[in-house]
């Protein structure tokens, strides 16, 4: 018969509530008691290997992943796969925390030091407040950023240079002779209040800078981040005095369905209208979309490897008898890496014609 929590409590000569507390909040249980419970768990084969490690070291073997968009989106899904390809073999689980507003983010950073239920925190694609993460640094909890802002507050961060990448896209359109260009970006998700800032916002900065240097004034369109985003984009395009000769989209998830819809409406791509995206996501190649390729799976894997290194260092710092080291937290200088990007030239862009 499989042992239960009561059996462990009886063997360790503690209450069942103490065993439960050792599972959920090991930092609240004395080390000697944790070790006694761990020995009892081992003897009874009660979640032996994992529970014992939690009791003895205080590690949770859980990684907190903070996402603003749903985990099913192309970018987030590939980030997760990359993270899991490294964390799973190392025995770690990934817990996803949806963050829609700065209030959600603040609540997470307020609660985590109390619950201590993650060994590292990974933030994807939005900004953080340096004051909020200072408490985690004091607890030796590594903070990892993936396309997150600002890079210098993270122990490790990896990002695409969105500004530069979008400059490349814009230069491509300008080289083709396009001077009548519309830019389409996504507003925050419906559950957001605009209090978070996203790395993708820097793409419009690069686009506008290139247009300014070329002395052209593009049309800037903003569409809601919902299932109706293509309809919203088309409504705004048709409300313009005339259709532009090129459309530069912030993400493939706008560009791919928009390209298909425009073709069904009779627009010849790229003869009458050029369109670009960003990501090189699912179906971008199939529809012939000119876009920027980034590799979120690789970004996730690299972030996970650095996270494990930082967790190991944090554990060593925690166990050291050097008082200074124990107070400084994760003292390794922050590391920031930029990912490799590549422009994918496909059939959705061509020389400019007169305005449609």
Protein backbone atom coordinates (compact mmCIF):
# COMPACT_ATOMS: atom_id res chain seq x y z
CA UNK A 1 0.00 0.00 0.00
CA UNK A 2 1.30 3.45 -0.90
CA UNK A 3 2.31 5.58 2.05
CA UNK A 4 0.33 8.75 2.76
CA UNK A 5 1.08 11.97 4.56
CA UNK A 6 -0.12 10.52 7.87
CA UNK A 7 2.36 7.65 7.60
CA UNK A 8 5.19 10.12 7.03
CA UNK A 9 4.03 12.21 10.01
CA UNK A 10 3.92 9.16 12.28
CA UNK A 11 7.35 7.95 11.19
CA UNK A 12 8.89 11.42 11.63
CA UNK A 13 7.05 11.98 14.92
CA UNK A 14 5.50 15.25 13.79
CA UNK A 15 1.98 16.31 12.94
CA UNK A 16 0.47 15.85 9.51
CA UNK A 17 0.20 19.65 9.25
CA UNK A 18 3.96 19.93 9.75
CA UNK A 19 4.56 17.48 6.92
CA UNK A 20 2.17 19.44 4.73
CA UNK A 21 3.93 22.67 5.64
CA UNK A 22 7.27 21.11 4.77
CA UNK A 23 5.90 20.31 1.33
CA UNK A 24 4.34 23.70 0.67
CA UNK A 25 6.55 26.09 2.64
CA UNK A 26 9.84 24.41 3.55
CA UNK A 27 11.33 27.75 4.62
CA UNK A 28 8.87 27.77 7.54
CA UNK A 29 10.05 24.42 8.90
CA UNK A 30 13.23 23.99 10.93
CA UNK A 31 16.07 22.34 9.03
CA UNK A 32 16.34 19.46 11.51
CA UNK A 33 12.61 18.78 11.20
CA UNK A 34 12.79 18.94 7.40
CA UNK A 35 15.61 16.42 7.43
CA UNK A 36 13.67 14.07 9.73
CA UNK A 37 10.62 14.29 7.46
CA UNK A 38 12.84 13.72 4.43
CA UNK A 39 14.28 10.54 5.96
CA UNK A 40 10.79 9.30 6.75
CA UNK A 41 9.64 10.06 3.22
CA UNK A 42 12.62 8.17 1.84
CA UNK A 43 12.00 5.16 4.06
CA UNK A 44 8.33 5.05 3.06
CA UNK A 45 9.00 5.82 -0.60
CA UNK A 46 6.66 8.77 -0.30
CA UNK A 47 7.52 10.97 -3.32
CA UNK A 48 11.00 10.16 -2.16
CA UNK A 49 13.49 11.81 -4.46
CA UNK A 50 11.66 15.01 -5.15
CA UNK A 51 10.14 15.60 -1.75
CA UNK A 52 13.40 14.89 0.01
CA UNK A 53 15.21 17.46 -2.08
CA UNK A 54 12.52 20.03 -1.34
CA UNK A 55 12.71 19.38 2.37
CA UNK A 56 16.48 19.40 2.59
CA UNK A 57 17.34 22.32 0.30
CA UNK A 58 14.22 24.46 0.22
CA UNK A 59 14.14 24.14 -3.58
CA UNK A 60 10.74 23.79 -5.19
CA UNK A 61 11.92 22.48 -8.58
CA UNK A 62 9.41 24.87 -10.07
CA UNK A 63 10.05 27.70 -12.53
CA UNK A 64 7.60 30.62 -12.71
CA UNK A 65 6.96 31.77 -16.27
CA UNK A 66 5.14 35.10 -16.56
CA UNK A 67 3.25 35.62 -19.82
CA UNK A 68 0.99 38.39 -21.03
CA UNK A 69 -0.33 36.73 -24.18
CA UNK A 70 -1.86 33.22 -24.04
CA UNK A 71 0.65 30.38 -23.94
CA UNK A 72 -0.87 29.05 -27.17
CA UNK A 73 0.41 31.95 -29.28
CA UNK A 74 3.24 31.06 -31.66
CA UNK A 75 5.95 32.96 -29.79
CA UNK A 76 4.96 31.86 -26.28
CA UNK A 77 4.40 28.24 -27.29
CA UNK A 78 7.91 28.04 -28.76
CA UNK A 79 9.40 29.82 -25.74
CA UNK A 80 7.75 27.21 -23.51
CA UNK A 81 9.03 24.33 -25.65
CA UNK A 82 12.56 25.70 -25.50
CA UNK A 83 12.41 26.15 -21.74
CA UNK A 84 10.93 22.70 -21.19
CA UNK A 85 13.57 21.03 -23.38
CA UNK A 86 16.12 22.03 -20.73
CA UNK A 87 14.11 22.19 -17.49
CA UNK A 88 12.26 18.88 -17.84
CA UNK A 89 15.39 16.70 -18.08
CA UNK A 90 16.75 18.59 -15.06
CA UNK A 91 13.64 17.73 -13.02
CA UNK A 92 11.94 21.12 -13.06
CA UNK A 93 8.29 21.95 -13.74
CA UNK A 94 7.15 25.22 -15.34
CA UNK A 95 4.23 27.09 -13.79
CA UNK A 96 2.62 29.71 -16.04
CA UNK A 97 1.33 32.93 -14.47
CA UNK A 98 -0.89 35.10 -16.73
CA UNK A 99 -0.04 38.78 -16.28
CA UNK A 100 -2.50 41.23 -17.81
CA UNK A 101 -1.68 44.44 -15.97
CA UNK A 102 1.04 46.01 -13.89
CA UNK A 103 -1.21 45.28 -10.91
CA UNK A 104 -1.05 41.56 -11.68
CA UNK A 105 2.70 41.79 -11.99
CA UNK A 106 2.99 43.68 -8.69
CA UNK A 107 0.83 41.12 -6.89
CA UNK A 108 3.02 38.28 -8.18
CA UNK A 109 6.21 39.88 -6.89
CA UNK A 110 4.54 40.68 -3.58
CA UNK A 111 3.34 37.11 -3.05
CA UNK A 112 6.32 35.11 -4.28
CA UNK A 113 8.70 36.04 -1.44
CA UNK A 114 6.05 34.90 1.04
CA UNK A 115 5.14 31.63 -0.69
CA UNK A 116 8.66 30.95 -2.01
CA UNK A 117 7.18 28.54 -4.57
CA UNK A 118 9.62 29.06 -7.46
CA UNK A 119 13.36 28.67 -7.85
CA UNK A 120 13.58 31.16 -10.72
CA UNK A 121 11.30 33.62 -12.48
CA UNK A 122 11.20 34.05 -16.25
CA UNK A 123 9.46 37.02 -17.83
CA UNK A 124 8.61 37.06 -21.53
CA UNK A 125 8.01 40.14 -23.67
CA UNK A 126 6.95 42.82 -21.20
CA UNK A 127 8.52 45.21 -18.72
CA UNK A 128 9.24 44.89 -15.02
CA UNK A 129 9.80 47.33 -12.20
CA UNK A 130 13.27 47.19 -10.67
CA UNK A 131 11.82 47.79 -7.19
CA UNK A 132 9.52 44.78 -7.53
CA UNK A 133 12.28 42.34 -8.35
CA UNK A 134 14.72 43.68 -5.75
CA UNK A 135 13.05 41.49 -3.12
CA UNK A 136 13.62 38.37 -5.19
CA UNK A 137 17.27 39.26 -5.68
CA UNK A 138 17.62 39.52 -1.90
CA UNK A 139 16.23 35.97 -1.68
CA UNK A 140 18.65 34.56 -4.30
CA UNK A 141 15.81 33.97 -6.77
CA UNK A 142 17.22 34.45 -10.30
CA UNK A 143 15.23 36.68 -12.65
CA UNK A 144 15.43 35.88 -16.37
CA UNK A 145 14.13 38.06 -19.19
CA UNK A 146 13.17 36.95 -22.70
CA UNK A 147 12.44 39.97 -24.88
CA UNK A 148 11.71 41.73 -21.58
CA UNK A 149 12.42 45.27 -20.45
CA UNK A 150 14.66 46.77 -19.20
CA UNK A 151 17.45 44.30 -19.85
CA UNK A 152 19.77 45.57 -17.10
CA UNK A 153 17.53 44.50 -14.20
CA UNK A 154 17.70 40.80 -15.06
CA UNK A 155 20.35 38.33 -13.97
CA UNK A 156 20.24 37.06 -17.54
CA UNK A 157 18.30 38.34 -20.52
CA UNK A 158 18.06 37.44 -24.17
CA UNK A 159 16.24 39.48 -26.76
CA UNK A 160 15.69 40.26 -30.40
CA UNK A 161 16.78 43.74 -31.43
CA UNK A 162 13.27 44.73 -32.50
CA UNK A 163 14.20 48.27 -33.47
CA UNK A 164 17.02 47.20 -35.79
CA UNK A 165 15.06 44.29 -37.25
CA UNK A 166 12.13 46.49 -38.21
CA UNK A 167 14.53 49.01 -39.69
CA UNK A 168 15.70 46.25 -42.04
CA UNK A 169 12.13 45.53 -43.11
CA UNK A 170 11.41 49.20 -43.68
CA UNK A 171 14.61 49.71 -45.69
CA UNK A 172 13.59 46.79 -47.88
CA UNK A 173 10.26 48.44 -48.67
CA UNK A 174 11.90 51.80 -49.27
CA UNK A 175 14.46 50.22 -51.60
CA UNK A 176 11.57 48.79 -53.60
CA UNK A 177 10.32 52.33 -54.08
CA UNK A 178 7.46 52.33 -51.58
CA UNK A 179 6.65 55.74 -50.17
CA UNK A 180 3.00 55.13 -49.28
CA UNK A 181 3.25 52.67 -46.39
CA UNK A 182 0.88 51.69 -43.60
CA UNK A 183 2.10 50.20 -40.33
CA UNK A 184 -0.20 47.93 -38.31
CA UNK A 185 0.46 47.06 -34.70
CA UNK A 186 -1.48 45.32 -31.96
CA UNK A 187 -3.02 47.10 -29.02
CA UNK A 188 -2.68 45.36 -25.62
CA UNK A 189 -4.89 42.31 -25.04
CA UNK A 190 -8.44 42.85 -23.84
CA UNK A 191 -7.51 41.93 -20.26
CA UNK A 192 -4.81 44.62 -20.17
CA UNK A 193 -5.12 48.24 -19.10
CA UNK A 194 -2.15 49.66 -20.99
CA UNK A 195 0.04 49.70 -17.88
CA UNK A 196 2.53 47.16 -19.28
CA UNK A 197 5.07 47.95 -21.96
CA UNK A 198 6.12 45.41 -24.56
CA UNK A 199 9.34 44.75 -26.43
CA UNK A 200 7.38 44.66 -29.71
CA UNK A 201 6.63 48.37 -29.22
CA UNK A 202 10.22 49.06 -30.22
CA UNK A 203 9.47 47.80 -33.72
CA UNK A 204 7.35 50.84 -34.47
CA UNK A 205 10.22 53.02 -33.27
CA UNK A 206 12.54 51.49 -35.86
CA UNK A 207 9.90 51.79 -38.57
CA UNK A 208 9.18 55.44 -37.84
CA UNK A 209 12.88 56.32 -37.66
CA UNK A 210 13.53 54.89 -41.13
CA UNK A 211 10.46 56.63 -42.56
CA UNK A 212 11.58 59.93 -41.05
CA UNK A 213 15.01 59.57 -42.64
CA UNK A 214 13.30 58.93 -45.99
CA UNK A 215 11.01 62.00 -45.43
CA UNK A 216 7.77 60.05 -45.70
CA UNK A 217 4.76 60.05 -43.37
CA UNK A 218 3.30 56.57 -42.97
CA UNK A 219 -0.21 55.70 -41.85
CA UNK A 220 -0.08 54.23 -38.34
CA UNK A 221 -2.93 51.81 -37.64
CA UNK A 222 -3.67 50.14 -34.32
CA UNK A 223 -5.83 47.03 -34.10
CA UNK A 224 -7.19 45.21 -31.08
CA UNK A 225 -5.46 42.00 -30.06
CA UNK A 226 -8.55 39.83 -30.51
CA UNK A 227 -9.91 37.29 -32.96
CA UNK A 228 -11.28 40.19 -34.99
CA UNK A 229 -7.91 41.86 -35.51
CA UNK A 230 -7.91 41.29 -39.31
CA UNK A 231 -11.40 42.76 -39.66
CA UNK A 232 -10.28 45.76 -37.62
CA UNK A 233 -7.20 46.16 -39.82
CA UNK A 234 -9.22 46.00 -43.03
CA UNK A 235 -11.75 48.50 -41.70
CA UNK A 236 -8.97 51.00 -41.01
CA UNK A 237 -7.23 50.35 -44.33
CA UNK A 238 -10.43 50.92 -46.30
CA UNK A 239 -11.07 54.11 -44.31
CA UNK A 240 -7.88 55.65 -45.72
CA UNK A 241 -8.16 57.95 -48.73
CA UNK A 242 -6.50 55.24 -50.80
CA UNK A 243 -4.89 51.86 -50.25
CA UNK A 244 -1.14 52.18 -49.56
CA UNK A 245 1.34 50.38 -51.79
CA UNK A 246 2.86 48.53 -48.83
CA UNK A 247 1.71 47.29 -45.43
CA UNK A 248 4.26 46.66 -42.69
CA UNK A 249 2.84 44.47 -39.91
CA UNK A 250 4.19 44.30 -36.38
CA UNK A 251 3.69 40.53 -36.23
CA UNK A 252 3.03 37.60 -38.55
CA UNK A 253 -0.21 36.91 -36.74
CA UNK A 254 -1.55 40.06 -38.36
CA UNK A 255 0.31 39.73 -41.65
CA UNK A 256 -0.49 36.10 -42.53
CA UNK A 257 -4.30 36.26 -42.26
CA UNK A 258 -4.35 39.80 -43.66
CA UNK A 259 -2.41 38.71 -46.75
CA UNK A 260 -4.83 35.85 -47.36
CA UNK A 261 -7.89 38.06 -46.86
CA UNK A 262 -6.58 40.76 -49.21
CA UNK A 263 -5.92 38.15 -51.90
CA UNK A 264 -9.46 36.86 -51.57
CA UNK A 265 -10.68 40.43 -51.97
CA UNK A 266 -8.88 40.65 -55.30
CA UNK A 267 -5.67 42.46 -54.41
CA UNK A 268 -2.67 41.18 -56.36
CA UNK A 269 0.22 40.52 -53.97
CA UNK A 270 2.89 41.84 -54.56
CA UNK A 271 1.97 43.50 -57.89
CA UNK A 272 -0.56 45.91 -56.42
CA UNK A 273 0.33 45.67 -52.75
CA UNK A 274 3.34 44.49 -50.74
CA UNK A 275 3.03 43.17 -47.20
CA UNK A 276 5.58 42.22 -44.55
CA UNK A 277 5.50 40.53 -41.16
CA UNK A 278 7.74 39.77 -38.20
CA UNK A 279 8.55 36.35 -36.60
CA UNK A 280 8.59 33.83 -39.48
CA UNK A 281 5.87 31.95 -37.65
CA UNK A 282 3.63 29.09 -38.73
CA UNK A 283 2.37 29.46 -42.33
CA UNK A 284 4.62 32.46 -43.11
CA UNK A 285 6.67 30.39 -45.51
CA UNK A 286 3.64 28.67 -47.02
CA UNK A 287 1.96 31.96 -47.92
CA UNK A 288 5.22 33.49 -49.16
CA UNK A 289 5.42 36.22 -46.52
CA UNK A 290 8.49 38.44 -46.42
CA UNK A 291 9.31 38.66 -42.73
CA UNK A 292 11.96 38.68 -39.99
CA UNK A 293 12.94 35.31 -38.60
CA UNK A 294 13.51 34.92 -34.88
CA UNK A 295 13.87 31.65 -32.97
CA UNK A 296 11.93 31.66 -29.66
CA UNK A 297 12.66 27.96 -29.06
CA UNK A 298 16.38 28.68 -29.02
CA UNK A 299 15.80 31.76 -26.85
CA UNK A 300 13.90 29.63 -24.33
CA UNK A 301 16.54 26.91 -24.26
CA UNK A 302 19.36 29.40 -23.76
CA UNK A 303 17.43 31.18 -21.02
CA UNK A 304 16.78 27.87 -19.25
CA UNK A 305 20.45 26.86 -19.31
CA UNK A 306 21.46 30.16 -17.76
CA UNK A 307 18.65 29.85 -15.21
CA UNK A 308 19.97 26.47 -14.05
CA UNK A 309 23.46 27.92 -13.69
CA UNK A 310 22.07 30.81 -11.64
CA UNK A 311 19.99 28.48 -9.45
CA UNK A 312 23.07 26.39 -8.72
CA UNK A 313 25.04 29.51 -7.82
CA UNK A 314 22.21 30.80 -5.64
CA UNK A 315 22.20 27.49 -3.75
CA UNK A 316 25.95 27.72 -3.19
CA UNK A 317 25.63 31.31 -1.96
CA UNK A 318 22.85 30.29 0.41
CA UNK A 319 24.95 27.53 1.95
CA UNK A 320 28.15 29.57 2.30
CA UNK A 321 29.28 30.72 5.70
CA UNK A 322 30.54 33.99 4.22
CA UNK A 323 28.11 36.58 5.63
CA UNK A 324 28.72 39.03 2.82
CA UNK A 325 28.08 36.47 0.12
CA UNK A 326 24.88 35.31 1.80
CA UNK A 327 23.49 38.83 1.77
CA UNK A 328 24.38 39.88 -1.72
CA UNK A 329 22.16 37.37 -3.50
CA UNK A 330 22.91 36.39 -7.08
CA UNK A 331 26.05 38.49 -7.44
CA UNK A 332 27.08 37.47 -10.95
CA UNK A 333 27.07 40.53 -13.22
CA UNK A 334 23.97 40.65 -15.43
CA UNK A 335 24.35 39.01 -18.82
CA UNK A 336 22.47 40.19 -21.90
CA UNK A 337 22.53 38.44 -25.25
CA UNK A 338 21.01 39.43 -28.57
CA UNK A 339 19.57 36.76 -30.81
CA UNK A 340 20.45 36.33 -34.43
CA UNK A 341 17.84 37.61 -36.83
CA UNK A 342 17.45 37.09 -40.53
CA UNK A 343 15.37 38.76 -43.19
CA UNK A 344 13.32 36.23 -45.13
CA UNK A 345 12.74 37.59 -48.65
CA UNK A 346 9.66 35.98 -50.15
CA UNK A 347 6.93 36.65 -52.67
CA UNK A 348 4.79 39.11 -50.67
CA UNK A 349 6.98 42.12 -51.54
CA UNK A 350 7.76 43.70 -54.90
CA UNK A 351 8.45 47.05 -56.57
CA UNK A 352 6.05 49.85 -55.80
CA UNK A 353 3.35 50.80 -58.25
CA UNK A 354 1.09 53.84 -58.17
CA UNK A 355 -1.25 54.05 -55.20
CA UNK A 356 -4.11 51.56 -55.45
